Amino acid sequence: MADNKEYLIQGHEDGTILISDEVICTIAAAAVMEVEGVISLNTNIGSDLAEMLGVKNLGKGIKLTVEESNVVIECSVVLDYGYDVVEVAKSVQQNVKTAVESMTGFRVQRVDVSISAVAAAKKK
């Protein structure tokens, strides 16, 4: 493969399946954003700059580590003011774990959630 992406590998009797780290990060990011009380994933200036240049990275705010065939996911989250921080964080953990495991077949060892900010969501 000519690209510089990292892949997680699953061997099957019919062949090998490669799943890009970016795919898993995107699944995790989508799962985080489904949780009530989450405003956004926290980004850094590098991902913000890349997005302004037209590079879309739905996995921003997500870090993926593989430890002995187990996936460890770190999420940096901005919460909506007024929500129970611990309850939202637990919901994020469960939602991410379920989504990644059901869509990829990889075991998620743990999901670490960092609450990086609390903000008031704009009322529609």
PDB file of N, CA and C in Angstrom:
ATOM      1  N   MET A   1       0.846  -1.175   0.000  1.00  0.00           N
ATOM      2  CA  MET A   1       0.000   0.000   0.000  1.00  0.00           C
ATOM      3  C   MET A   1       0.887   1.232   0.000  1.00  0.00           C
ATOM      4  N   ALA A   2       0.522   2.186  -0.817  1.00  0.00           N
ATOM      5  CA  ALA A   2       1.372   3.346  -1.039  1.00  0.00           C
ATOM      6  C   ALA A   2       1.179   4.455  -0.013  1.00  0.00           C
ATOM      7  N   ASP A   3       0.108   4.406   0.757  1.00  0.00           N
ATOM      8  CA  ASP A   3      -0.124   5.495   1.709  1.00  0.00           C
ATOM      9  C   ASP A   3       0.621   5.250   3.009  1.00  0.00           C
ATOM     10  N   ASN A   4       0.632   6.265   3.862  1.00  0.00           N
ATOM     11  CA  ASN A   4       1.367   6.185   5.128  1.00  0.00           C
ATOM     12  C   ASN A   4       0.445   5.925   6.308  1.00  0.00           C
ATOM     13  N   LYS A   5      -0.731   5.385   6.071  1.00  0.00           N
ATOM     14  CA  LYS A   5      -1.684   5.141   7.132  1.00  0.00           C
ATOM     15  C   LYS A   5      -1.278   3.908   7.940  1.00  0.00           C
ATOM     16  N   GLU A   6      -1.718   3.899   9.189  1.00  0.00           N
ATOM     17  CA  GLU A   6      -1.553   2.734  10.043  1.00  0.00           C
ATOM     18  C   GLU A   6      -2.825   1.900   9.927  1.00  0.00           C
ATOM     19  N   TYR A   7      -2.670   0.584   9.947  1.00  0.00           N
ATOM     20  CA  TYR A   7      -3.812  -0.310   9.806  1.00  0.00           C
ATOM     21  C   TYR A   7      -3.837  -1.324  10.932  1.00  0.00           C
ATOM     22  N   LEU A   8      -5.040  -1.686  11.347  1.00  0.00           N
ATOM     23  CA  LEU A   8      -5.238  -2.812  12.232  1.00  0.00           C
ATOM     24  C   LEU A   8      -5.607  -3.981  11.329  1.00  0.00           C
ATOM     25  N   ILE A   9      -5.086  -5.145  11.628  1.00  0.00           N
ATOM     26  CA  ILE A   9      -5.218  -6.291  10.732  1.00  0.00           C
ATOM     27  C   ILE A   9      -6.045  -7.383  11.394  1.00  0.00           C
ATOM     28  N   GLN A  10      -6.989  -7.908  10.619  1.00  0.00           N
ATOM     29  CA  GLN A  10      -7.762  -9.064  11.045  1.00  0.00           C
ATOM     30  C   GLN A  10      -7.547 -10.165  10.018  1.00  0.00           C
ATOM     31  N   GLY A  11      -7.099 -11.303  10.473  1.00  0.00           N
ATOM     32  CA  GLY A  11      -6.930 -12.430   9.571  1.00  0.00           C
ATOM     33  C   GLY A  11      -8.161 -13.315   9.586  1.00  0.00           C
ATOM     34  N   HIS A  12      -8.610 -13.716   8.421  1.00  0.00           N
ATOM     35  CA  HIS A  12      -9.755 -14.612   8.270  1.00  0.00           C
ATOM     36  C   HIS A  12      -9.362 -15.713   7.300  1.00  0.00           C
ATOM     37  N   GLU A  13     -10.128 -16.776   7.273  1.00  0.00           N
ATOM     38  CA  GLU A  13      -9.798 -17.874   6.368  1.00  0.00           C
ATOM     39  C   GLU A  13      -9.877 -17.459   4.904  1.00  0.00           C
ATOM     40  N   ASP A  14     -10.670 -16.442   4.585  1.00  0.00           N
ATOM     41  CA  ASP A  14     -10.796 -15.974   3.204  1.00  0.00           C
ATOM     42  C   ASP A  14      -9.767 -14.922   2.835  1.00  0.00           C
ATOM     43  N   GLY A  15      -9.009 -14.435   3.789  1.00  0.00           N
ATOM     44  CA  GLY A  15      -8.012 -13.408   3.512  1.00  0.00           C
ATOM     45  C   GLY A  15      -7.833 -12.485   4.689  1.00  0.00           C
ATOM     46  N   THR A  16      -7.205 -11.354   4.445  1.00  0.00           N
ATOM     47  CA  THR A  16      -6.887 -10.392   5.487  1.00  0.00           C
ATOM     48  C   THR A  16      -7.727  -9.135   5.302  1.00  0.00           C
ATOM     49  N   ILE A  17      -8.170  -8.582   6.415  1.00  0.00           N
ATOM     50  CA  ILE A  17      -8.913  -7.319   6.402  1.00  0.00           C
ATOM     51  C   ILE A  17      -8.063  -6.273   7.106  1.00  0.00           C
ATOM     52  N   LEU A  18      -7.813  -5.159   6.428  1.00  0.00           N
ATOM     53  CA  LEU A  18      -7.059  -4.042   7.003  1.00  0.00           C
ATOM     54  C   LEU A  18      -8.035  -2.908   7.272  1.00  0.00           C
ATOM     55  N   ILE A  19      -8.024  -2.401   8.496  1.00  0.00           N
ATOM     56  CA  ILE A  19      -8.884  -1.275   8.856  1.00  0.00           C
ATOM     57  C   ILE A  19      -7.977  -0.137   9.303  1.00  0.00           C
ATOM     58  N   SER A  20      -8.086   0.983   8.621  1.00  0.00           N
ATOM     59  CA  SER A  20      -7.254   2.141   8.916  1.00  0.00           C
ATOM     60  C   SER A  20      -7.571   2.697  10.301  1.00  0.00           C
ATOM     61  N   ASP A  21      -6.527   3.188  10.980  1.00  0.00           N
ATOM     62  CA  ASP A  21      -6.726   3.877  12.256  1.00  0.00           C
ATOM     63  C   ASP A  21      -7.740   5.011  12.112  1.00  0.00           C
ATOM     64  N   GLU A  22      -7.684   5.711  10.982  1.00  0.00           N
ATOM     65  CA  GLU A  22      -8.599   6.835  10.738  1.00  0.00           C
ATOM     66  C   GLU A  22     -10.047   6.383  10.740  1.00  0.00           C
ATOM     67  N   VAL A  23     -10.298   5.190  10.223  1.00  0.00           N
ATOM     68  CA  VAL A  23     -11.661   4.662  10.199  1.00  0.00           C
ATOM     69  C   VAL A  23     -12.153   4.441  11.622  1.00  0.00           C
ATOM     70  N   ILE A  24     -11.320   3.853  12.456  1.00  0.00           N
ATOM     71  CA  ILE A  24     -11.710   3.603  13.841  1.00  0.00           C
ATOM     72  C   ILE A  24     -11.904   4.916  14.590  1.00  0.00           C
ATOM     73  N   CYS A  25     -11.037   5.887  14.342  1.00  0.00           N
ATOM     74  CA  CYS A  25     -11.188   7.207  14.971  1.00  0.00           C
ATOM     75  C   CYS A  25     -12.482   7.882  14.526  1.00  0.00           C
ATOM     76  N   THR A  26     -12.841   7.735  13.271  1.00  0.00           N
ATOM     77  CA  THR A  26     -14.075   8.335  12.756  1.00  0.00           C
ATOM     78  C   THR A  26     -15.298   7.675  13.389  1.00  0.00           C
ATOM     79  N   ILE A  27     -15.265   6.355  13.530  1.00  0.00           N
ATOM     80  CA  ILE A  27     -16.363   5.643  14.190  1.00  0.00           C
ATOM     81  C   ILE A  27     -16.494   6.128  15.630  1.00  0.00           C
ATOM     82  N   ALA A  28     -15.367   6.234  16.325  1.00  0.00           N
ATOM     83  CA  ALA A  28     -15.377   6.685  17.722  1.00  0.00           C
ATOM     84  C   ALA A  28     -15.899   8.117  17.826  1.00  0.00           C
ATOM     85  N   ALA A  29     -15.465   8.984  16.921  1.00  0.00           N
ATOM     86  CA  ALA A  29     -15.908  10.381  16.948  1.00  0.00           C
ATOM     87  C   ALA A  29     -17.417  10.484  16.728  1.00  0.00           C
ATOM     88  N   ALA A  30     -17.926   9.716  15.795  1.00  0.00           N
ATOM     89  CA  ALA A  30     -19.375   9.730  15.543  1.00  0.00           C
ATOM     90  C   ALA A  30     -20.137   9.238  16.776  1.00  0.00           C
ATOM     91  N   ALA A  31     -19.610   8.219  17.435  1.00  0.00           N
ATOM     92  CA  ALA A  31     -20.246   7.687  18.641  1.00  0.00           C
ATOM     93  C   ALA A  31     -20.231   8.708  19.774  1.00  0.00           C
ATOM     94  N   VAL A  32     -19.139   9.449  19.912  1.00  0.00           N
ATOM     95  CA  VAL A  32     -19.063  10.492  20.936  1.00  0.00           C
ATOM     96  C   VAL A  32     -20.136  11.547  20.692  1.00  0.00           C
ATOM     97  N   MET A  33     -20.268  11.969  19.438  1.00  0.00           N
ATOM     98  CA  MET A  33     -21.198  13.055  19.115  1.00  0.00           C
ATOM     99  C   MET A  33     -22.665  12.657  19.245  1.00  0.00           C
ATOM    100  N   GLU A  34     -22.952  11.365  19.358  1.00  0.00           N
ATOM    101  CA  GLU A  34     -24.326  10.892  19.570  1.00  0.00           C
ATOM    102  C   GLU A  34     -24.783  11.063  21.016  1.00  0.00           C
ATOM    103  N   VAL A  35     -23.850  11.275  21.923  1.00  0.00           N
ATOM    104  CA  VAL A  35     -24.169  11.328  23.353  1.00  0.00           C
ATOM    105  C   VAL A  35     -24.734  12.698  23.714  1.00  0.00           C
ATOM    106  N   GLU A  36     -25.883  12.679  24.381  1.00  0.00           N
ATOM    107  CA  GLU A  36     -26.501  13.927  24.823  1.00  0.00           C
ATOM    108  C   GLU A  36     -25.618  14.586  25.870  1.00  0.00           C
ATOM    109  N   GLY A  37     -25.381  15.878  25.713  1.00  0.00           N
ATOM    110  CA  GLY A  37     -24.542  16.628  26.631  1.00  0.00           C
ATOM    111  C   GLY A  37     -23.163  16.919  26.060  1.00  0.00           C
ATOM    112  N   VAL A  38     -22.823  16.272  24.944  1.00  0.00           N
ATOM    113  CA  VAL A  38     -21.541  16.536  24.287  1.00  0.00           C
ATOM    114  C   VAL A  38     -21.765  17.618  23.233  1.00  0.00           C
ATOM    115  N   ILE A  39     -20.957  18.681  23.307  1.00  0.00           N
ATOM    116  CA  ILE A  39     -21.032  19.746  22.306  1.00  0.00           C
ATOM    117  C   ILE A  39     -20.118  19.428  21.137  1.00  0.00           C
ATOM    118  N   SER A  40     -18.889  19.014  21.458  1.00  0.00           N
ATOM    119  CA  SER A  40     -17.930  18.716  20.391  1.00  0.00           C
ATOM    120  C   SER A  40     -16.765  17.926  20.949  1.00  0.00           C
ATOM    121  N   LEU A  41     -15.931  17.486  20.044  1.00  0.00           N
ATOM    122  CA  LEU A  41     -14.637  16.930  20.415  1.00  0.00           C
ATOM    123  C   LEU A  41     -13.658  18.082  20.453  1.00  0.00           C
ATOM    124  N   ASN A  42     -12.729  18.034  21.372  1.00  0.00           N
ATOM    125  CA  ASN A  42     -11.729  19.092  21.464  1.00  0.00           C
ATOM    126  C   ASN A  42     -10.668  18.867  20.399  1.00  0.00           C
ATOM    127  N   THR A  43     -10.296  19.930  19.740  1.00  0.00           N
ATOM    128  CA  THR A  43      -9.298  19.828  18.686  1.00  0.00           C
ATOM    129  C   THR A  43      -8.053  20.595  19.084  1.00  0.00           C
ATOM    130  N   ASN A  44      -7.015  20.402  18.313  1.00  0.00           N
ATOM    131  CA  ASN A  44      -5.820  21.211  18.511  1.00  0.00           C
ATOM    132  C   ASN A  44      -5.656  22.128  17.310  1.00  0.00           C
ATOM    133  N   ILE A  45      -4.736  23.043  17.373  1.00  0.00           N
ATOM    134  CA  ILE A  45      -4.580  24.027  16.304  1.00  0.00           C
ATOM    135  C   ILE A  45      -4.208  23.377  14.972  1.00  0.00           C
ATOM    136  N   GLY A  46      -3.475  22.270  15.021  1.00  0.00           N
ATOM    137  CA  GLY A  46      -3.081  21.586  13.790  1.00  0.00           C
ATOM    138  C   GLY A  46      -4.279  21.034  13.042  1.00  0.00           C
ATOM    139  N   SER A  47      -5.212  20.412  13.748  1.00  0.00           N
ATOM    140  CA  SER A  47      -6.386  19.863  13.073  1.00  0.00           C
ATOM    141  C   SER A  47      -7.327  20.981  12.629  1.00  0.00           C
ATOM    142  N   ASP A  48      -7.391  22.078  13.397  1.00  0.00           N
ATOM    143  CA  ASP A  48      -8.197  23.218  12.968  1.00  0.00           C
ATOM    144  C   ASP A  48      -7.639  23.825  11.682  1.00  0.00           C
ATOM    145  N   LEU A  49      -6.319  23.961  11.592  1.00  0.00           N
ATOM    146  CA  LEU A  49      -5.686  24.503  10.400  1.00  0.00           C
ATOM    147  C   LEU A  49      -5.906  23.583   9.199  1.00  0.00           C
ATOM    148  N   ALA A  50      -5.766  22.281   9.407  1.00  0.00           N
ATOM    149  CA  ALA A  50      -5.985  21.319   8.319  1.00  0.00           C
ATOM    150  C   ALA A  50      -7.418  21.407   7.809  1.00  0.00           C
ATOM    151  N   GLU A  51      -8.378  21.575   8.720  1.00  0.00           N
ATOM    152  CA  GLU A  51      -9.774  21.676   8.315  1.00  0.00           C
ATOM    153  C   GLU A  51     -10.011  22.939   7.496  1.00  0.00           C
ATOM    154  N   MET A  52      -9.358  24.049   7.876  1.00  0.00           N
ATOM    155  CA  MET A  52      -9.506  25.288   7.099  1.00  0.00           C
ATOM    156  C   MET A  52      -8.948  25.123   5.696  1.00  0.00           C
ATOM    157  N   LEU A  53      -7.951  24.249   5.547  1.00  0.00           N
ATOM    158  CA  LEU A  53      -7.351  24.007   4.239  1.00  0.00           C
ATOM    159  C   LEU A  53      -8.128  22.964   3.439  1.00  0.00           C
ATOM    160  N   GLY A  54      -9.232  22.475   3.986  1.00  0.00           N
ATOM    161  CA  GLY A  54     -10.076  21.548   3.254  1.00  0.00           C
ATOM    162  C   GLY A  54      -9.873  20.093   3.586  1.00  0.00           C
ATOM    163  N   VAL A  55      -9.005  19.781   4.534  1.00  0.00           N
ATOM    164  CA  VAL A  55      -8.791  18.392   4.919  1.00  0.00           C
ATOM    165  C   VAL A  55      -9.774  18.070   6.036  1.00  0.00           C
ATOM    166  N   LYS A  56     -10.714  17.185   5.758  1.00  0.00           N
ATOM    167  CA  LYS A  56     -11.712  16.817   6.755  1.00  0.00           C
ATOM    168  C   LYS A  56     -11.205  15.637   7.568  1.00  0.00           C
ATOM    169  N   ASN A  57     -11.209  15.783   8.876  1.00  0.00           N
ATOM    170  CA  ASN A  57     -10.794  14.706   9.753  1.00  0.00           C
ATOM    171  C   ASN A  57     -11.851  14.559  10.831  1.00  0.00           C
ATOM    172  N   LEU A  58     -12.764  13.615  10.616  1.00  0.00           N
ATOM    173  CA  LEU A  58     -13.841  13.430  11.576  1.00  0.00           C
ATOM    174  C   LEU A  58     -13.359  12.809  12.878  1.00  0.00           C
ATOM    175  N   GLY A  59     -12.139  12.302  12.898  1.00  0.00           N
ATOM    176  CA  GLY A  59     -11.588  11.676  14.085  1.00  0.00           C
ATOM    177  C   GLY A  59     -10.838  12.628  14.988  1.00  0.00           C
ATOM    178  N   LYS A  60     -10.871  13.925  14.717  1.00  0.00           N
ATOM    179  CA  LYS A  60     -10.134  14.863  15.559  1.00  0.00           C
ATOM    180  C   LYS A  60     -10.668  14.793  16.987  1.00  0.00           C
ATOM    181  N   GLY A  61      -9.771  14.909  17.935  1.00  0.00           N
ATOM    182  CA  GLY A  61     -10.160  14.788  19.332  1.00  0.00           C
ATOM    183  C   GLY A  61     -10.139  13.350  19.818  1.00  0.00           C
ATOM    184  N   ILE A  62      -9.737  12.428  18.939  1.00  0.00           N
ATOM    185  CA  ILE A  62      -9.670  11.009  19.264  1.00  0.00           C
ATOM    186  C   ILE A  62      -8.229  10.535  19.071  1.00  0.00           C
ATOM    187  N   LYS A  63      -7.724   9.780  20.033  1.00  0.00           N
ATOM    188  CA  LYS A  63      -6.401   9.172  19.905  1.00  0.00           C
ATOM    189  C   LYS A  63      -6.574   7.670  20.064  1.00  0.00           C
ATOM    190  N   LEU A  64      -5.909   6.928  19.206  1.00  0.00           N
ATOM    191  CA  LEU A  64      -6.039   5.480  19.190  1.00  0.00           C
ATOM    192  C   LEU A  64      -4.695   4.835  19.487  1.00  0.00           C
ATOM    193  N   THR A  65      -4.700   3.845  20.371  1.00  0.00           N
ATOM    194  CA  THR A  65      -3.508   3.073  20.678  1.00  0.00           C
ATOM    195  C   THR A  65      -3.884   1.602  20.647  1.00  0.00           C
ATOM    196  N   VAL A  66      -2.999   0.784  20.108  1.00  0.00           N
ATOM    197  CA  VAL A  66      -3.242  -0.655  20.094  1.00  0.00           C
ATOM    198  C   VAL A  66      -2.252  -1.309  21.045  1.00  0.00           C
ATOM    199  N   GLU A  67      -2.782  -2.046  22.009  1.00  0.00           N
ATOM    200  CA  GLU A  67      -1.976  -2.744  22.996  1.00  0.00           C
ATOM    201  C   GLU A  67      -2.305  -4.229  22.921  1.00  0.00           C
ATOM    202  N   GLU A  68      -1.389  -5.023  22.366  1.00  0.00           N
ATOM    203  CA  GLU A  68      -1.572  -6.471  22.287  1.00  0.00           C
ATOM    204  C   GLU A  68      -2.934  -6.856  21.709  1.00  0.00           C
ATOM    205  N   SER A  69      -3.260  -6.396  20.554  1.00  0.00           N
ATOM    206  CA  SER A  69      -4.505  -6.673  19.835  1.00  0.00           C
ATOM    207  C   SER A  69      -5.745  -6.081  20.500  1.00  0.00           C
ATOM    208  N   ASN A  70      -5.570  -5.284  21.519  1.00  0.00           N
ATOM    209  CA  ASN A  70      -6.682  -4.571  22.133  1.00  0.00           C
ATOM    210  C   ASN A  70      -6.566  -3.091  21.793  1.00  0.00           C
ATOM    211  N   VAL A  71      -7.684  -2.471  21.566  1.00  0.00           N
ATOM    212  CA  VAL A  71      -7.719  -1.062  21.190  1.00  0.00           C
ATOM    213  C   VAL A  71      -7.991  -0.212  22.422  1.00  0.00           C
ATOM    214  N   VAL A  72      -7.199   0.838  22.585  1.00  0.00           N
ATOM    215  CA  VAL A  72      -7.419   1.828  23.641  1.00  0.00           C
ATOM    216  C   VAL A  72      -7.738   3.136  22.935  1.00  0.00           C
ATOM    217  N   ILE A  73      -8.847   3.753  23.320  1.00  0.00           N
ATOM    218  CA  ILE A  73      -9.301   4.981  22.675  1.00  0.00           C
ATOM    219  C   ILE A  73      -9.345   6.098  23.708  1.00  0.00           C
ATOM    220  N   GLU A  74      -8.771   7.238  23.346  1.00  0.00           N
ATOM    221  CA  GLU A  74      -8.811   8.424  24.198  1.00  0.00           C
ATOM    222  C   GLU A  74      -9.639   9.488  23.490  1.00  0.00           C
ATOM    223  N   CYS A  75     -10.591  10.061  24.206  1.00  0.00           N
ATOM    224  CA  CYS A  75     -11.476  11.085  23.650  1.00  0.00           C
ATOM    225  C   CYS A  75     -11.339  12.366  24.462  1.00  0.00           C
ATOM    226  N   SER A  76     -11.178  13.475  23.783  1.00  0.00           N
ATOM    227  CA  SER A  76     -11.134  14.769  24.442  1.00  0.00           C
ATOM    228  C   SER A  76     -12.425  15.499  24.073  1.00  0.00           C
ATOM    229  N   VAL A  77     -13.253  15.777  25.080  1.00  0.00           N
ATOM    230  CA  VAL A  77     -14.638  16.180  24.856  1.00  0.00           C
ATOM    231  C   VAL A  77     -14.948  17.542  25.476  1.00  0.00           C
ATOM    232  N   VAL A  78     -15.783  18.311  24.782  1.00  0.00           N
ATOM    233  CA  VAL A  78     -16.342  19.558  25.322  1.00  0.00           C
ATOM    234  C   VAL A  78     -17.801  19.275  25.664  1.00  0.00           C
ATOM    235  N   LEU A  79     -18.166  19.499  26.941  1.00  0.00           N
ATOM    236  CA  LEU A  79     -19.524  19.217  27.400  1.00  0.00           C
ATOM    237  C   LEU A  79     -20.381  20.473  27.441  1.00  0.00           C
ATOM    238  N   ASP A  80     -21.674  20.242  27.335  1.00  0.00           N
ATOM    239  CA  ASP A  80     -22.654  21.311  27.477  1.00  0.00           C
ATOM    240  C   ASP A  80     -22.840  21.602  28.967  1.00  0.00           C
ATOM    241  N   TYR A  81     -22.910  22.873  29.305  1.00  0.00           N
ATOM    242  CA  TYR A  81     -23.086  23.294  30.694  1.00  0.00           C
ATOM    243  C   TYR A  81     -24.411  22.748  31.231  1.00  0.00           C
ATOM    244  N   GLY A  82     -24.376  22.252  32.458  1.00  0.00           N
ATOM    245  CA  GLY A  82     -25.591  21.794  33.117  1.00  0.00           C
ATOM    246  C   GLY A  82     -25.744  20.278  33.134  1.00  0.00           C
ATOM    247  N   TYR A  83     -24.956  19.574  32.354  1.00  0.00           N
ATOM    248  CA  TYR A  83     -25.027  18.115  32.338  1.00  0.00           C
ATOM    249  C   TYR A  83     -24.105  17.527  33.395  1.00  0.00           C
ATOM    250  N   ASP A  84     -24.471  16.366  33.920  1.00  0.00           N
ATOM    251  CA  ASP A  84     -23.660  15.644  34.887  1.00  0.00           C
ATOM    252  C   ASP A  84     -22.408  15.126  34.179  1.00  0.00           C
ATOM    253  N   VAL A  85     -21.253  15.623  34.563  1.00  0.00           N
ATOM    254  CA  VAL A  85     -19.991  15.314  33.894  1.00  0.00           C
ATOM    255  C   VAL A  85     -19.710  13.810  33.912  1.00  0.00           C
ATOM    256  N   VAL A  86     -19.864  13.193  35.062  1.00  0.00           N
ATOM    257  CA  VAL A  86     -19.553  11.770  35.183  1.00  0.00           C
ATOM    258  C   VAL A  86     -20.512  10.930  34.347  1.00  0.00           C
ATOM    259  N   GLU A  87     -21.781  11.254  34.368  1.00  0.00           N
ATOM    260  CA  GLU A  87     -22.770  10.487  33.603  1.00  0.00           C
ATOM    261  C   GLU A  87     -22.534  10.613  32.095  1.00  0.00           C
ATOM    262  N   VAL A  88     -22.220  11.804  31.640  1.00  0.00           N
ATOM    263  CA  VAL A  88     -21.944  11.995  30.204  1.00  0.00           C
ATOM    264  C   VAL A  88     -20.678  11.227  29.820  1.00  0.00           C
ATOM    265  N   ALA A  89     -19.646  11.298  30.648  1.00  0.00           N
ATOM    266  CA  ALA A  89     -18.402  10.582  30.361  1.00  0.00           C
ATOM    267  C   ALA A  89     -18.641   9.070  30.297  1.00  0.00           C
ATOM    268  N   LYS A  90     -19.435   8.520  31.217  1.00  0.00           N
ATOM    269  CA  LYS A  90     -19.763   7.096  31.183  1.00  0.00           C
ATOM    270  C   LYS A  90     -20.531   6.737  29.909  1.00  0.00           C
ATOM    271  N   SER A  91     -21.449   7.605  29.507  1.00  0.00           N
ATOM    272  CA  SER A  91     -22.211   7.364  28.273  1.00  0.00           C
ATOM    273  C   SER A  91     -21.298   7.378  27.060  1.00  0.00           C
ATOM    274  N   VAL A  92     -20.330   8.305  27.048  1.00  0.00           N
ATOM    275  CA  VAL A  92     -19.352   8.356  25.954  1.00  0.00           C
ATOM    276  C   VAL A  92     -18.569   7.052  25.911  1.00  0.00           C
ATOM    277  N   GLN A  93     -18.091   6.592  27.061  1.00  0.00           N
ATOM    278  CA  GLN A  93     -17.321   5.347  27.109  1.00  0.00           C
ATOM    279  C   GLN A  93     -18.117   4.180  26.539  1.00  0.00           C
ATOM    280  N   GLN A  94     -19.341   4.028  26.987  1.00  0.00           N
ATOM    281  CA  GLN A  94     -20.160   2.901  26.542  1.00  0.00           C
ATOM    282  C   GLN A  94     -20.494   3.001  25.057  1.00  0.00           C
ATOM    283  N   ASN A  95     -20.845   4.195  24.606  1.00  0.00           N
ATOM    284  CA  ASN A  95     -21.230   4.382  23.207  1.00  0.00           C
ATOM    285  C   ASN A  95     -20.054   4.112  22.262  1.00  0.00           C
ATOM    286  N   VAL A  96     -18.885   4.611  22.621  1.00  0.00           N
ATOM    287  CA  VAL A  96     -17.693   4.404  21.786  1.00  0.00           C
ATOM    288  C   VAL A  96     -17.315   2.929  21.759  1.00  0.00           C
ATOM    289  N   LYS A  97     -17.282   2.296  22.913  1.00  0.00           N
ATOM    290  CA  LYS A  97     -16.920   0.879  22.997  1.00  0.00           C
ATOM    291  C   LYS A  97     -17.865   0.030  22.143  1.00  0.00           C
ATOM    292  N   THR A  98     -19.153   0.242  22.292  1.00  0.00           N
ATOM    293  CA  THR A  98     -20.146  -0.528  21.541  1.00  0.00           C
ATOM    294  C   THR A  98     -20.004  -0.305  20.042  1.00  0.00           C
ATOM    295  N   ALA A  99     -19.865   0.942  19.629  1.00  0.00           N
ATOM    296  CA  ALA A  99     -19.780   1.257  18.199  1.00  0.00           C
ATOM    297  C   ALA A  99     -18.539   0.647  17.553  1.00  0.00           C
ATOM    298  N   VAL A 100     -17.392   0.841  18.182  1.00  0.00           N
ATOM    299  CA  VAL A 100     -16.139   0.338  17.595  1.00  0.00           C
ATOM    300  C   VAL A 100     -16.130  -1.186  17.564  1.00  0.00           C
ATOM    301  N   GLU A 101     -16.541  -1.820  18.652  1.00  0.00           N
ATOM    302  CA  GLU A 101     -16.537  -3.283  18.676  1.00  0.00           C
ATOM    303  C   GLU A 101     -17.517  -3.873  17.677  1.00  0.00           C
ATOM    304  N   SER A 102     -18.703  -3.298  17.577  1.00  0.00           N
ATOM    305  CA  SER A 102     -19.705  -3.875  16.670  1.00  0.00           C
ATOM    306  C   SER A 102     -19.377  -3.618  15.201  1.00  0.00           C
ATOM    307  N   MET A 103     -18.705  -2.520  14.901  1.00  0.00           N
ATOM    308  CA  MET A 103     -18.422  -2.191  13.496  1.00  0.00           C
ATOM    309  C   MET A 103     -17.098  -2.763  13.002  1.00  0.00           C
ATOM    310  N   THR A 104     -16.150  -3.044  13.909  1.00  0.00           N
ATOM    311  CA  THR A 104     -14.837  -3.510  13.463  1.00  0.00           C
ATOM    312  C   THR A 104     -14.506  -4.929  13.908  1.00  0.00           C
ATOM    313  N   GLY A 105     -15.122  -5.389  14.975  1.00  0.00           N
ATOM    314  CA  GLY A 105     -14.792  -6.701  15.510  1.00  0.00           C
ATOM    315  C   GLY A 105     -13.594  -6.686  16.439  1.00  0.00           C
ATOM    316  N   PHE A 106     -12.930  -5.544  16.584  1.00  0.00           N
ATOM    317  CA  PHE A 106     -11.801  -5.439  17.508  1.00  0.00           C
ATOM    318  C   PHE A 106     -12.305  -5.239  18.929  1.00  0.00           C
ATOM    319  N   ARG A 107     -11.576  -5.783  19.893  1.00  0.00           N
ATOM    320  CA  ARG A 107     -11.928  -5.606  21.297  1.00  0.00           C
ATOM    321  C   ARG A 107     -11.401  -4.255  21.781  1.00  0.00           C
ATOM    322  N   VAL A 108     -12.289  -3.473  22.381  1.00  0.00           N
ATOM    323  CA  VAL A 108     -11.880  -2.201  22.967  1.00  0.00           C
ATOM    324  C   VAL A 108     -11.569  -2.463  24.432  1.00  0.00           C
ATOM    325  N   GLN A 109     -10.291  -2.323  24.793  1.00  0.00           N
ATOM    326  CA  GLN A 109      -9.852  -2.579  26.162  1.00  0.00           C
ATOM    327  C   GLN A 109     -10.389  -1.511  27.103  1.00  0.00           C
ATOM    328  N   ARG A 110     -10.276  -0.236  26.658  1.00  0.00           N
ATOM    329  CA  ARG A 110     -10.814   0.849  27.480  1.00  0.00           C
ATOM    330  C   ARG A 110     -11.010   2.091  26.627  1.00  0.00           C
ATOM    331  N   VAL A 111     -11.878   2.962  27.138  1.00  0.00           N
ATOM    332  CA  VAL A 111     -12.112   4.258  26.523  1.00  0.00           C
ATOM    333  C   VAL A 111     -11.858   5.297  27.605  1.00  0.00           C
ATOM    334  N   ASP A 112     -10.816   6.101  27.420  1.00  0.00           N
ATOM    335  CA  ASP A 112     -10.487   7.167  28.356  1.00  0.00           C
ATOM    336  C   ASP A 112     -11.121   8.458  27.858  1.00  0.00           C
ATOM    337  N   VAL A 113     -11.844   9.127  28.735  1.00  0.00           N
ATOM    338  CA  VAL A 113     -12.526  10.368  28.365  1.00  0.00           C
ATOM    339  C   VAL A 113     -11.926  11.518  29.161  1.00  0.00           C
ATOM    340  N   SER A 114     -11.457  12.525  28.447  1.00  0.00           N
ATOM    341  CA  SER A 114     -10.965  13.753  29.073  1.00  0.00           C
ATOM    342  C   SER A 114     -11.975  14.850  28.800  1.00  0.00           C
ATOM    343  N   ILE A 115     -12.479  15.438  29.863  1.00  0.00           N
ATOM    344  CA  ILE A 115     -13.387  16.579  29.707  1.00  0.00           C
ATOM    345  C   ILE A 115     -12.490  17.804  29.646  1.00  0.00           C
ATOM    346  N   SER A 116     -12.326  18.346  28.455  1.00  0.00           N
ATOM    347  CA  SER A 116     -11.375  19.442  28.269  1.00  0.00           C
ATOM    348  C   SER A 116     -12.008  20.813  28.458  1.00  0.00           C
ATOM    349  N   ALA A 117     -13.337  20.871  28.388  1.00  0.00           N
ATOM    350  CA  ALA A 117     -14.017  22.151  28.567  1.00  0.00           C
ATOM    351  C   ALA A 117     -15.503  21.927  28.792  1.00  0.00           C
ATOM    352  N   VAL A 118     -16.118  22.928  29.381  1.00  0.00           N
ATOM    353  CA  VAL A 118     -17.572  22.976  29.523  1.00  0.00           C
ATOM    354  C   VAL A 118     -18.002  24.308  28.920  1.00  0.00           C
ATOM    355  N   ALA A 119     -18.993  24.254  28.066  1.00  0.00           N
ATOM    356  CA  ALA A 119     -19.454  25.472  27.397  1.00  0.00           C
ATOM    357  C   ALA A 119     -20.964  25.442  27.304  1.00  0.00           C
ATOM    358  N   ALA A 120     -21.551  26.606  27.139  1.00  0.00           N
ATOM    359  CA  ALA A 120     -22.983  26.693  26.947  1.00  0.00           C
ATOM    360  C   ALA A 120     -23.280  26.550  25.453  1.00  0.00           C
ATOM    361  N   ALA A 121     -24.062  25.547  25.106  1.00  0.00           N
ATOM    362  CA  ALA A 121     -24.428  25.339  23.702  1.00  0.00           C
ATOM    363  C   ALA A 121     -25.346  26.462  23.255  1.00  0.00           C
ATOM    364  N   LYS A 122     -25.219  26.817  22.001  1.00  0.00           N
ATOM    365  CA  LYS A 122     -26.073  27.865  21.440  1.00  0.00           C
ATOM    366  C   LYS A 122     -27.482  27.336  21.311  1.00  0.00           C
ATOM    367  N   LYS A 123     -28.429  28.120  21.751  1.00  0.00           N
ATOM    368  CA  LYS A 123     -29.837  27.747  21.648  1.00  0.00           C
ATOM    369  C   LYS A 123     -30.316  27.995  20.222  1.00  0.00           C
ATOM    370  N   LYS A 124     -31.076  27.041  19.707  1.00  0.00           N
ATOM    371  CA  LYS A 124     -31.587  27.173  18.327  1.00  0.00           C
ATOM    372  C   LYS A 124     -32.896  27.890  18.295  1.00  0.00           C
TER     373      LYS A 124
END
